[in-house]
N, C-alpha and C. Protein backbone atom coordinates (compact mmCIF):
# COMPACT_ATOMS: atom_id res chain seq x y z
N MET A 1 37.78 53.37 38.43
CA MET A 1 37.70 53.02 37.46
C MET A 1 38.03 54.19 36.28
N THR A 2 38.69 54.25 35.86
CA THR A 2 39.06 55.52 35.33
C THR A 2 38.29 55.64 34.04
N GLY A 3 38.38 56.29 32.61
CA GLY A 3 37.21 56.81 31.95
C GLY A 3 37.99 55.75 30.71
N ALA A 4 39.05 55.35 30.87
CA ALA A 4 39.15 54.56 29.43
C ALA A 4 38.51 53.40 29.68
N HIS A 5 38.63 52.16 31.20
CA HIS A 5 38.14 51.04 31.25
C HIS A 5 36.77 51.59 31.00
N SER A 6 35.84 52.52 31.65
CA SER A 6 34.63 52.33 31.67
C SER A 6 34.55 52.85 29.95
N LEU A 7 34.95 53.48 29.16
CA LEU A 7 34.31 53.28 28.28
C LEU A 7 34.89 51.99 27.14
N ALA A 8 35.47 50.64 28.08
CA ALA A 8 35.96 49.73 26.90
C ALA A 8 35.03 48.77 27.85
N LEU A 9 34.71 49.17 28.68
CA LEU A 9 33.58 47.93 29.70
C LEU A 9 31.99 48.77 29.19
N ARG A 10 31.88 49.31 29.01
CA ARG A 10 30.50 49.71 28.44
C ARG A 10 30.75 49.48 26.95
N GLY A 11 31.25 49.10 26.02
CA GLY A 11 31.77 48.42 24.83
C GLY A 11 30.96 47.31 24.66
N ALA A 12 32.17 46.84 25.49
CA ALA A 12 31.68 45.33 26.04
C ALA A 12 30.51 44.55 26.14
N VAL A 13 29.93 45.71 27.15
CA VAL A 13 28.59 45.57 27.26
C VAL A 13 27.73 45.13 26.46
N VAL A 14 27.78 46.77 25.25
CA VAL A 14 26.68 46.40 23.70
C VAL A 14 27.24 45.34 23.40
N VAL A 15 28.81 45.00 23.06
CA VAL A 15 29.24 44.26 21.74
C VAL A 15 28.31 42.91 22.00
N SER A 16 28.30 42.42 23.98
CA SER A 16 27.34 41.11 24.51
C SER A 16 26.10 41.25 24.18
N LEU A 17 25.62 42.42 24.64
CA LEU A 17 24.41 42.53 24.39
C LEU A 17 23.33 42.42 22.27
N SER A 18 24.45 43.34 21.85
CA SER A 18 24.30 42.98 20.53
C SER A 18 24.18 41.27 19.73
N ILE A 19 25.41 40.97 20.39
CA ILE A 19 25.62 39.31 20.13
C ILE A 19 24.49 38.71 20.54
N ALA A 20 23.93 38.63 21.45
CA ALA A 20 22.83 38.17 22.33
C ALA A 20 21.59 38.23 21.49
N LEU A 21 21.26 39.72 21.11
CA LEU A 21 20.64 39.74 20.83
C LEU A 21 20.08 39.65 18.91
N LEU A 22 21.21 39.53 18.87
CA LEU A 22 21.91 38.70 16.88
C LEU A 22 21.60 37.31 17.45
N CYS A 23 21.84 36.69 17.79
CA CYS A 23 21.06 35.33 18.13
C CYS A 23 19.59 34.98 18.38
N VAL A 24 19.25 35.39 19.06
CA VAL A 24 17.61 35.91 19.85
C VAL A 24 17.29 35.94 18.50
N SER A 25 17.01 37.34 17.23
CA SER A 25 16.71 37.56 16.28
C SER A 25 16.75 36.58 15.74
N GLY A 26 17.86 36.00 15.45
CA GLY A 26 17.96 35.31 14.14
C GLY A 26 17.23 33.59 14.09
N LEU A 27 17.41 33.57 15.11
CA LEU A 27 16.33 32.58 15.70
C LEU A 27 15.20 32.49 15.37
N LEU A 28 14.10 33.84 15.68
CA LEU A 28 13.18 33.72 16.08
C LEU A 28 12.54 33.50 14.75
N GLY A 29 13.58 34.54 13.82
CA GLY A 29 13.58 34.84 12.15
C GLY A 29 13.01 33.21 11.60
N ALA A 30 13.99 33.01 12.00
CA ALA A 30 13.86 31.47 11.14
C ALA A 30 13.09 30.19 11.57
N VAL A 31 12.52 30.67 13.09
CA VAL A 31 11.81 29.89 13.46
C VAL A 31 10.32 30.18 12.96
N ALA A 32 9.96 31.89 12.19
CA ALA A 32 8.52 32.50 11.68
C ALA A 32 9.03 31.65 10.25
N VAL A 33 9.87 31.67 9.46
CA VAL A 33 10.58 31.47 8.56
C VAL A 33 9.87 29.93 8.48
N ALA A 34 9.92 29.06 9.10
CA ALA A 34 9.92 27.64 9.19
C ALA A 34 8.75 26.82 9.04
N ALA A 35 7.40 27.96 10.11
CA ALA A 35 6.17 27.44 10.41
C ALA A 35 5.30 27.90 9.82
N GLU A 36 5.20 28.35 8.04
CA GLU A 36 4.44 28.95 7.13
C GLU A 36 4.91 27.22 6.20
N PRO A 37 3.11 26.82 5.82
CA PRO A 37 3.97 24.97 5.45
C PRO A 37 4.28 25.39 4.11
N ARG A 38 4.91 24.24 3.26
CA ARG A 38 5.65 25.24 2.37
C ARG A 38 5.44 24.01 0.94
N ILE A 39 5.20 23.83 -0.07
CA ILE A 39 5.52 22.66 -1.07
C ILE A 39 6.71 22.03 -1.31
N THR A 40 6.49 20.29 -0.97
CA THR A 40 8.03 19.86 -1.66
C THR A 40 7.54 19.29 -2.20
N GLU A 41 6.51 18.47 -2.76
CA GLU A 41 6.54 17.78 -3.78
C GLU A 41 5.28 18.18 -4.65
N SER A 42 5.21 18.19 -6.28
CA SER A 42 4.29 19.01 -6.39
C SER A 42 3.81 17.87 -8.10
N GLU A 43 3.46 17.35 -7.99
CA GLU A 43 2.34 16.89 -9.24
C GLU A 43 1.29 17.05 -10.06
N PRO A 44 0.98 17.83 -11.03
CA PRO A 44 2.18 18.69 -11.69
C PRO A 44 2.90 19.45 -11.52
N VAL A 45 4.13 19.73 -11.94
CA VAL A 45 4.92 20.67 -11.37
C VAL A 45 4.61 22.35 -11.80
N ASP A 46 4.89 23.35 -11.75
CA ASP A 46 4.24 24.42 -11.88
C ASP A 46 4.79 24.54 -13.39
N GLY A 47 3.99 25.11 -14.39
CA GLY A 47 4.38 25.36 -16.01
C GLY A 47 5.21 24.35 -16.20
N GLU A 48 4.24 22.88 -16.15
CA GLU A 48 4.56 21.45 -16.66
C GLU A 48 3.10 21.42 -17.90
N ILE A 49 3.82 21.22 -19.21
CA ILE A 49 3.11 20.97 -20.03
C ILE A 49 2.97 19.70 -20.33
N LEU A 50 1.63 19.52 -20.27
CA LEU A 50 0.71 17.47 -20.20
C LEU A 50 0.25 17.23 -21.66
N PRO A 51 -0.06 16.18 -22.34
CA PRO A 51 -0.51 15.80 -23.07
C PRO A 51 -2.04 16.29 -23.12
N GLN A 52 -2.61 16.06 -22.01
CA GLN A 52 -3.89 15.23 -21.31
C GLN A 52 -4.14 16.05 -19.61
N PRO A 53 -5.43 16.41 -19.73
CA PRO A 53 -5.22 17.11 -18.47
C PRO A 53 -5.08 15.38 -16.86
N PRO A 54 -4.22 16.00 -15.89
CA PRO A 54 -4.41 14.98 -15.30
C PRO A 54 -4.99 14.45 -14.28
N GLU A 55 -5.07 12.91 -14.07
CA GLU A 55 -6.37 12.23 -13.46
C GLU A 55 -5.98 12.31 -11.99
N VAL A 56 -5.15 12.79 -11.59
CA VAL A 56 -4.91 13.69 -10.22
C VAL A 56 -4.15 14.11 -10.26
N ILE A 57 -3.75 15.68 -8.84
CA ILE A 57 -3.37 16.02 -8.69
C ILE A 57 -2.56 15.67 -7.64
N HIS A 58 -0.60 15.87 -7.62
CA HIS A 58 -0.23 15.13 -6.04
C HIS A 58 0.69 16.32 -5.45
N LEU A 59 -0.05 16.54 -4.28
CA LEU A 59 1.15 17.87 -3.30
C LEU A 59 1.27 17.48 -2.40
N CYS A 60 2.64 17.47 -1.64
CA CYS A 60 2.93 17.05 -0.33
C CYS A 60 3.58 18.30 0.23
N PHE A 61 3.57 19.15 1.50
CA PHE A 61 3.66 19.83 2.44
C PHE A 61 5.26 19.55 3.51
N SER A 62 5.87 20.94 3.50
CA SER A 62 7.46 20.76 4.60
C SER A 62 6.58 20.53 5.86
N GLU A 63 5.22 20.16 6.09
CA GLU A 63 4.58 19.82 7.99
C GLU A 63 2.84 19.41 7.58
N PRO A 64 2.72 18.49 8.30
CA PRO A 64 1.38 18.23 8.70
C PRO A 64 0.06 19.34 8.43
N VAL A 65 -0.77 19.51 7.39
CA VAL A 65 -1.99 20.52 7.28
C VAL A 65 -3.09 20.17 7.78
N ASP A 66 -3.80 21.06 8.61
CA ASP A 66 -5.22 21.06 8.81
C ASP A 66 -6.22 20.09 7.35
N THR A 67 -6.36 19.03 8.02
CA THR A 67 -7.34 18.11 7.41
C THR A 67 -8.68 18.71 6.94
N GLU A 68 -9.09 19.21 8.14
CA GLU A 68 -10.57 19.77 8.43
C GLU A 68 -10.83 21.58 7.31
N ARG A 69 -12.05 21.08 7.11
CA ARG A 69 -12.88 22.52 6.88
C ARG A 69 -12.41 23.51 8.29
N PRO A 70 -12.73 24.86 7.82
CA PRO A 70 -12.31 25.52 7.20
C PRO A 70 -10.63 26.47 7.17
N GLY A 71 -9.64 24.76 7.47
CA GLY A 71 -8.31 25.16 7.40
C GLY A 71 -7.91 25.26 5.60
N TRP A 72 -8.05 24.67 4.85
CA TRP A 72 -8.36 24.46 3.68
C TRP A 72 -8.41 25.23 2.64
N LYS A 73 -8.07 25.12 1.59
CA LYS A 73 -9.55 25.26 0.34
C LYS A 73 -8.09 25.41 -1.10
N ILE A 74 -8.42 24.22 -1.83
CA ILE A 74 -8.64 23.98 -3.28
C ILE A 74 -9.56 24.10 -3.89
N ASP A 75 -9.20 24.98 -5.44
CA ASP A 75 -9.22 25.22 -6.40
C ASP A 75 -8.98 24.99 -8.26
N VAL A 76 -9.47 23.65 -8.70
CA VAL A 76 -8.99 23.31 -10.13
C VAL A 76 -9.69 24.01 -11.41
N ALA A 77 -9.30 25.48 -11.71
CA ALA A 77 -10.31 25.77 -13.33
C ALA A 77 -9.80 25.51 -14.33
N SER A 78 -10.60 24.95 -14.93
CA SER A 78 -10.05 24.79 -16.75
C SER A 78 -9.62 25.46 -17.50
N PRO A 79 -8.95 25.81 -18.70
CA PRO A 79 -8.40 27.08 -19.59
C PRO A 79 -10.12 28.17 -19.67
N ASP A 80 -11.34 27.32 -19.38
CA ASP A 80 -12.44 28.10 -19.98
C ASP A 80 -12.66 29.14 -18.90
N GLY A 81 -12.05 28.82 -17.54
CA GLY A 81 -11.78 29.54 -16.09
C GLY A 81 -13.27 28.86 -15.43
N LEU A 82 -13.51 27.62 -15.47
CA LEU A 82 -14.46 26.82 -14.87
C LEU A 82 -13.75 26.58 -13.90
N SER A 83 -14.45 25.90 -12.56
CA SER A 83 -13.96 24.87 -11.46
C SER A 83 -14.45 24.28 -11.13
N LEU A 84 -13.82 23.53 -11.33
CA LEU A 84 -14.52 21.62 -11.35
C LEU A 84 -14.40 21.04 -10.42
N GLY A 85 -15.82 20.25 -10.50
CA GLY A 85 -15.88 19.39 -9.10
C GLY A 85 -14.16 18.59 -8.55
N LEU A 86 -14.07 18.36 -7.88
CA LEU A 86 -12.93 17.91 -6.94
C LEU A 86 -13.35 16.78 -6.08
N ARG A 87 -13.14 15.74 -5.89
CA ARG A 87 -12.82 14.94 -5.10
C ARG A 87 -11.22 14.66 -4.57
N ILE A 88 -11.36 15.84 -3.10
CA ILE A 88 -9.85 15.60 -2.30
C ILE A 88 -9.54 14.44 -1.29
N VAL A 89 -8.63 14.12 -0.79
CA VAL A 89 -7.63 12.83 -0.38
C VAL A 89 -6.82 13.35 0.41
N PHE A 90 -6.38 13.75 1.50
CA PHE A 90 -5.56 13.91 2.52
C PHE A 90 -5.30 12.64 2.90
N GLU A 91 -3.06 12.04 2.68
CA GLU A 91 -3.13 11.39 3.97
C GLU A 91 -3.33 11.85 5.37
N PRO A 92 -3.49 10.22 6.12
CA PRO A 92 -4.27 11.06 7.68
C PRO A 92 -3.00 11.75 7.83
N SER A 93 -2.09 11.52 7.57
CA SER A 93 -0.76 12.59 9.09
C SER A 93 -1.08 13.72 8.46
N GLY A 94 -2.10 14.26 7.21
CA GLY A 94 -1.81 15.57 6.54
C GLY A 94 -1.02 16.00 6.30
N ASP A 95 0.39 15.74 5.61
CA ASP A 95 1.66 15.92 4.68
C ASP A 95 1.30 15.77 3.51
N CYS A 96 0.30 15.14 2.11
CA CYS A 96 0.15 14.56 1.54
C CYS A 96 -1.52 14.78 0.97
N VAL A 97 -1.79 15.55 -0.18
CA VAL A 97 -3.04 15.70 -0.48
C VAL A 97 -3.32 15.42 -1.94
N ASP A 98 -4.00 14.86 -2.66
CA ASP A 98 -4.11 13.84 -3.90
C ASP A 98 -5.50 14.76 -4.33
N ILE A 99 -5.33 15.61 -5.13
CA ILE A 99 -6.66 16.46 -5.26
C ILE A 99 -7.27 15.23 -6.87
N PHE A 100 -8.70 15.59 -8.08
CA PHE A 100 -8.75 14.25 -8.21
C PHE A 100 -10.50 14.88 -9.02
N PRO A 101 -9.30 15.78 -10.51
CA PRO A 101 -10.68 16.75 -10.48
C PRO A 101 -11.79 15.91 -11.73
N GLY A 102 -13.08 16.81 -11.89
CA GLY A 102 -14.00 16.17 -12.35
C GLY A 102 -13.96 16.14 -13.83
N GLU A 103 -15.23 15.88 -14.31
CA GLU A 103 -14.75 16.06 -16.17
C GLU A 103 -14.60 17.93 -16.12
N VAL A 104 -13.88 17.64 -17.54
CA VAL A 104 -13.59 18.78 -18.09
C VAL A 104 -15.23 19.22 -18.92
N PRO A 105 -16.15 20.38 -18.31
CA PRO A 105 -17.18 21.00 -19.43
C PRO A 105 -16.95 21.20 -20.95
N GLY A 106 -15.15 21.44 -20.56
CA GLY A 106 -15.35 22.30 -22.47
C GLY A 106 -13.89 22.05 -23.19
N ALA A 107 -13.07 22.67 -23.46
CA ALA A 107 -11.56 22.38 -24.85
C ALA A 107 -10.75 21.99 -22.63
N ALA A 108 -10.23 21.14 -23.67
CA ALA A 108 -8.98 20.32 -21.95
C ALA A 108 -7.85 21.11 -22.71
N ALA A 109 -7.78 22.28 -23.98
CA ALA A 109 -6.29 22.44 -24.14
C ALA A 109 -5.90 23.68 -23.24
N GLY A 110 -4.40 24.10 -23.13
CA GLY A 110 -5.10 25.53 -22.29
C GLY A 110 -4.01 25.38 -21.12
N VAL A 111 -4.50 26.49 -20.54
CA VAL A 111 -3.83 26.53 -18.84
C VAL A 111 -4.89 26.66 -18.49
N TRP A 112 -4.29 25.68 -17.17
CA TRP A 112 -5.19 25.34 -15.85
C TRP A 112 -4.57 25.96 -14.91
N THR A 113 -4.93 26.52 -13.80
CA THR A 113 -5.12 26.83 -12.81
C THR A 113 -5.57 26.16 -11.62
N PHE A 114 -4.30 25.52 -10.46
CA PHE A 114 -4.79 25.43 -9.43
C PHE A 114 -3.82 26.01 -8.14
N ASP A 115 -5.22 26.20 -7.59
CA ASP A 115 -4.71 27.24 -6.22
C ASP A 115 -5.34 26.39 -5.25
N TRP A 116 -4.20 27.15 -4.56
CA TRP A 116 -5.01 26.17 -2.68
C TRP A 116 -4.00 26.44 -1.56
N LEU A 117 -4.95 26.73 -0.19
CA LEU A 117 -4.77 27.42 0.43
C LEU A 117 -4.88 26.19 2.00
N VAL A 118 -3.49 26.16 2.77
CA VAL A 118 -4.11 24.75 3.62
C VAL A 118 -3.03 25.75 4.68
N THR A 119 -3.81 25.12 6.03
CA THR A 119 -3.09 25.79 7.44
C THR A 119 -2.45 24.89 8.11
N SER A 120 -0.92 25.04 8.55
CA SER A 120 -0.19 24.84 9.25
C SER A 120 -0.75 23.45 10.18
N GLN A 121 -0.97 22.07 10.99
CA GLN A 121 -1.77 21.97 12.32
C GLN A 121 -1.54 22.18 13.19
N ALA A 122 0.19 22.88 13.67
CA ALA A 122 0.81 22.76 14.49
C ALA A 122 1.04 24.41 14.79
N SER A 123 1.25 25.09 14.44
CA SER A 123 1.88 27.22 13.96
C SER A 123 0.56 27.77 13.52
N ARG A 124 -0.48 26.86 13.07
CA ARG A 124 -2.31 27.36 12.59
C ARG A 124 -1.83 28.69 12.07
N GLU A 125 -0.19 28.70 10.98
CA GLU A 125 0.02 30.05 9.78
C GLU A 125 -0.66 29.10 8.65
N GLU A 126 -1.08 30.17 8.11
CA GLU A 126 -1.41 29.95 6.47
C GLU A 126 -0.53 29.60 5.44
N ALA A 127 -0.44 28.95 4.65
CA ALA A 127 -0.13 29.51 3.13
C ALA A 127 -0.85 28.70 1.90
N SER A 128 -0.35 29.92 1.06
CA SER A 128 -1.08 29.53 -0.25
C SER A 128 -0.50 29.17 -1.06
N GLY A 129 -0.88 29.35 -2.39
CA GLY A 129 -0.64 29.38 -3.85
C GLY A 129 -0.64 28.83 -5.13
N THR A 130 -0.39 28.81 -5.62
CA THR A 130 -0.78 28.49 -7.88
C THR A 130 -0.06 27.97 -8.06
N ILE A 131 -0.02 27.05 -9.13
CA ILE A 131 0.04 26.14 -9.62
C ILE A 131 -0.82 26.28 -10.96
N ASN A 132 0.16 27.12 -12.59
CA ASN A 132 -0.04 26.88 -13.63
C ASN A 132 0.31 25.68 -14.35
N PHE A 133 -0.09 24.59 -14.76
CA PHE A 133 -0.18 23.91 -16.11
C PHE A 133 -0.78 23.98 -17.24
N GLU A 134 0.30 22.94 -18.38
CA GLU A 134 -0.61 23.73 -19.36
C GLU A 134 -0.75 22.23 -20.23
N VAL A 135 -2.34 21.81 -20.78
CA VAL A 135 -2.60 20.82 -21.39
C VAL A 135 -2.78 21.26 -22.91
N ASP A 136 -1.37 20.17 -24.15
CA ASP A 136 -1.55 20.50 -25.20
C ASP A 136 -1.08 19.01 -25.50
N PRO A 137 -2.26 18.75 -26.56
CA PRO A 137 -1.80 17.33 -27.49
C PRO A 137 -1.67 16.96 -27.98
N GLU A 138 -0.33 17.71 -27.63
CA GLU A 138 0.30 17.17 -28.93
C GLU A 138 1.41 17.79 -28.25
N ALA A 139 1.55 17.35 -26.69
CA ALA A 139 2.75 17.88 -25.71
C ALA A 139 3.49 16.53 -25.57
N GLY A 140 4.50 16.14 -25.33
CA GLY A 140 5.45 14.84 -25.43
C GLY A 140 6.31 14.62 -26.69
N ALA A 141 5.99 15.32 -28.03
CA ALA A 141 6.54 14.80 -29.47
C ALA A 141 8.21 15.22 -29.06
N ALA A 142 8.50 14.59 -29.87
CA ALA A 142 10.43 14.28 -29.51
C ALA A 142 10.38 15.99 -29.85
N GLY A 143 11.45 16.63 -28.86
CA GLY A 143 11.77 17.54 -29.26
C GLY A 143 10.97 18.41 -28.02
N ASP A 144 9.84 18.21 -27.82
CA ASP A 144 9.46 19.33 -26.28
C ASP A 144 10.26 18.72 -24.99
N PRO A 145 10.45 20.06 -24.69
CA PRO A 145 11.21 20.20 -23.61
C PRO A 145 10.97 19.61 -22.34
N GLU A 146 11.77 19.04 -21.39
CA GLU A 146 10.89 18.45 -20.14
C GLU A 146 10.73 19.57 -18.73
N PRO A 147 9.62 19.29 -18.12
CA PRO A 147 9.43 20.04 -17.26
C PRO A 147 10.51 20.03 -16.11
N ALA A 148 10.29 21.54 -15.80
CA ALA A 148 11.83 22.05 -14.72
C ALA A 148 10.84 21.26 -13.40
N SER A 149 12.39 20.74 -12.87
CA SER A 149 12.21 20.23 -11.60
C SER A 149 11.63 20.49 -10.15
N ASP A 150 11.09 20.84 -9.03
CA ASP A 150 10.85 21.29 -8.04
C ASP A 150 11.63 21.44 -6.98
N ASP A 151 12.05 21.71 -6.65
CA ASP A 151 13.15 21.70 -5.48
C ASP A 151 12.35 22.39 -4.62
N GLY A 152 11.04 22.61 -4.37
CA GLY A 152 10.19 22.53 -3.42
C GLY A 152 10.74 23.70 -1.91
N GLY A 153 11.25 24.60 -3.03
CA GLY A 153 11.99 25.98 -2.68
C GLY A 153 12.68 26.40 -1.13
N SER A 154 13.24 25.15 -0.94
CA SER A 154 14.98 25.43 -0.17
C SER A 154 15.83 26.21 -0.48
N ASN A 155 15.88 26.49 -2.15
CA ASN A 155 17.11 27.61 -1.82
C ASN A 155 16.37 28.85 -1.65
N ASN A 156 15.05 29.17 -1.67
CA ASN A 156 14.30 30.95 -1.58
C ASN A 156 14.69 30.42 0.14
N ASP A 157 13.78 29.49 0.80
CA ASP A 157 14.17 29.63 2.44
C ASP A 157 15.24 30.26 2.38
N ALA A 158 16.31 29.08 2.28
CA ALA A 158 17.74 29.61 2.70
C ALA A 158 18.31 30.87 2.39
N LEU A 159 18.11 31.27 1.28
CA LEU A 159 18.16 33.02 1.24
C LEU A 159 17.20 33.73 2.40
N LEU A 160 16.27 33.36 2.48
CA LEU A 160 15.06 33.85 2.95
C LEU A 160 15.68 34.18 4.77
N ILE A 161 16.42 33.11 5.30
CA ILE A 161 16.39 32.94 6.27
C ILE A 161 18.21 34.03 6.10
N ILE A 162 18.90 33.77 5.76
CA ILE A 162 20.08 34.25 5.67
C ILE A 162 20.14 36.05 5.61
N SER A 163 18.33 36.61 4.41
CA SER A 163 18.83 37.49 4.54
C SER A 163 17.58 38.19 5.62
N VAL A 164 17.08 37.49 7.11
CA VAL A 164 16.44 38.22 8.07
C VAL A 164 17.12 37.99 8.89
N VAL A 165 18.48 37.07 8.98
CA VAL A 165 19.81 36.73 10.04
C VAL A 165 20.89 38.28 9.66
N VAL A 166 21.09 38.66 8.85
CA VAL A 166 22.17 39.49 8.35
C VAL A 166 21.32 41.33 8.44
N SER A 167 20.09 41.28 7.85
CA SER A 167 18.92 42.46 7.94
C SER A 167 18.73 42.70 9.70
N ARG A 168 18.65 41.83 10.19
CA ARG A 168 19.13 42.07 12.37
C ARG A 168 20.83 42.03 13.04
N ALA A 169 21.15 41.54 11.79
CA ALA A 169 22.63 41.90 12.66
C ALA A 169 22.80 43.23 12.34
N LEU A 170 22.65 44.21 10.89
CA LEU A 170 22.89 45.13 10.30
C LEU A 170 22.71 46.13 11.51
N ALA A 171 20.64 45.93 11.98
CA ALA A 171 20.40 46.92 12.66
C ALA A 171 20.67 46.70 14.04
N VAL A 172 21.23 45.73 14.58
CA VAL A 172 21.39 45.41 16.02
C VAL A 172 22.61 46.26 16.10
N SER A 173 24.20 45.54 15.10
CA SER A 173 24.80 46.90 14.75
C SER A 173 25.13 48.81 15.49
N ALA A 174 23.89 49.00 13.94
CA ALA A 174 23.77 50.67 13.76
C ALA A 174 23.01 50.25 15.19
N GLY A 175 22.99 49.66 15.68
CA GLY A 175 21.96 50.63 17.01
C GLY A 175 23.44 50.35 18.76
N ALA A 176 24.45 49.50 18.02
CA ALA A 176 25.32 49.44 19.40
C ALA A 176 26.17 51.01 18.80
N TYR A 177 26.21 51.22 17.71
CA TYR A 177 27.20 52.04 17.85
C TYR A 177 26.61 53.12 17.56
N LEU A 178 24.97 53.76 17.42
CA LEU A 178 24.82 54.71 18.06
C LEU A 178 24.23 54.62 19.86
N LEU A 179 24.68 53.38 20.48
CA LEU A 179 24.54 53.72 21.80
C LEU A 179 25.69 54.20 22.09
N LEU A 180 27.41 53.77 21.90
CA LEU A 180 28.39 54.10 21.85
C LEU A 180 28.77 55.70 22.53
N PRO A 181 29.38 55.94 23.51
CA PRO A 181 29.39 57.35 23.48
C PRO A 181 30.21 57.98 22.18
N VAL A 182 30.32 58.96 21.90
CA VAL A 182 31.40 59.92 21.17
C VAL A 182 32.50 60.06 21.89
N SER A 183 33.63 59.68 21.62
CA SER A 183 34.63 60.64 22.75
C SER A 183 35.37 61.57 22.28
N ARG A 184 35.09 62.68 22.38
CA ARG A 184 35.92 63.62 22.38
C ARG A 184 37.17 63.98 23.02
N GLY A 185 37.85 63.40 23.53
CA GLY A 185 39.37 63.22 23.98
C GLY A 185 39.23 63.72 25.93
N ARG A 186 38.08 62.98 26.10
CA ARG A 186 38.24 62.48 27.04
C ARG A 186 38.58 61.07 28.35
N ASP A 187 38.88 60.86 27.49
CA ASP A 187 38.77 59.36 27.82
C ASP A 187 40.22 59.25 27.71
N LYS A 188 41.28 60.28 27.25
CA LYS A 188 42.16 59.88 26.93
C LYS A 188 43.55 59.51 28.19
N ILE A 189 44.06 58.10 27.26
CA ILE A 189 45.34 57.36 29.00
C ILE A 189 46.52 58.33 28.65
N GLY A 190 46.81 59.25 29.76
CA GLY A 190 48.42 59.48 29.23
C GLY A 190 48.12 60.70 30.35
């Protein structure tokens, strides 16, 4: 086999292995991203302004979550920073939860904080977050802005998957480039 053919064969093998590694790493990255539960529905949504405290806080997740302790932690704090007594009801499937806050011990007006932590039933991955909403008795008057729609983070997830795939592609390509021998005239045909 001539030097040119040997170099071409090595290059083809490196490119083939790079493509295979890229596909596998991209799939693994996408699986890792998808393994963490995320909110797909929230009522109230983050940043929403309400005329009174909600009677129920409703959350749905991208996958079933553990409904047994210690697989979850939920806390609602009033504007005074006091944690409220809660009645928490998970759907049997574990996809959604309704949180019924207790009586507000102080002033209801102000920014409320809702912290949540859940664990995926399938992967045992934890996810957590905070939703802030404001109670303003004058909310709902003409001219008040409507709350932003909650898209469930699908755009962020897509961007994360793309960035994982692109960064791994760049890493594999750089590795393949470094593995290729530098030709210094030894493999010239002619």
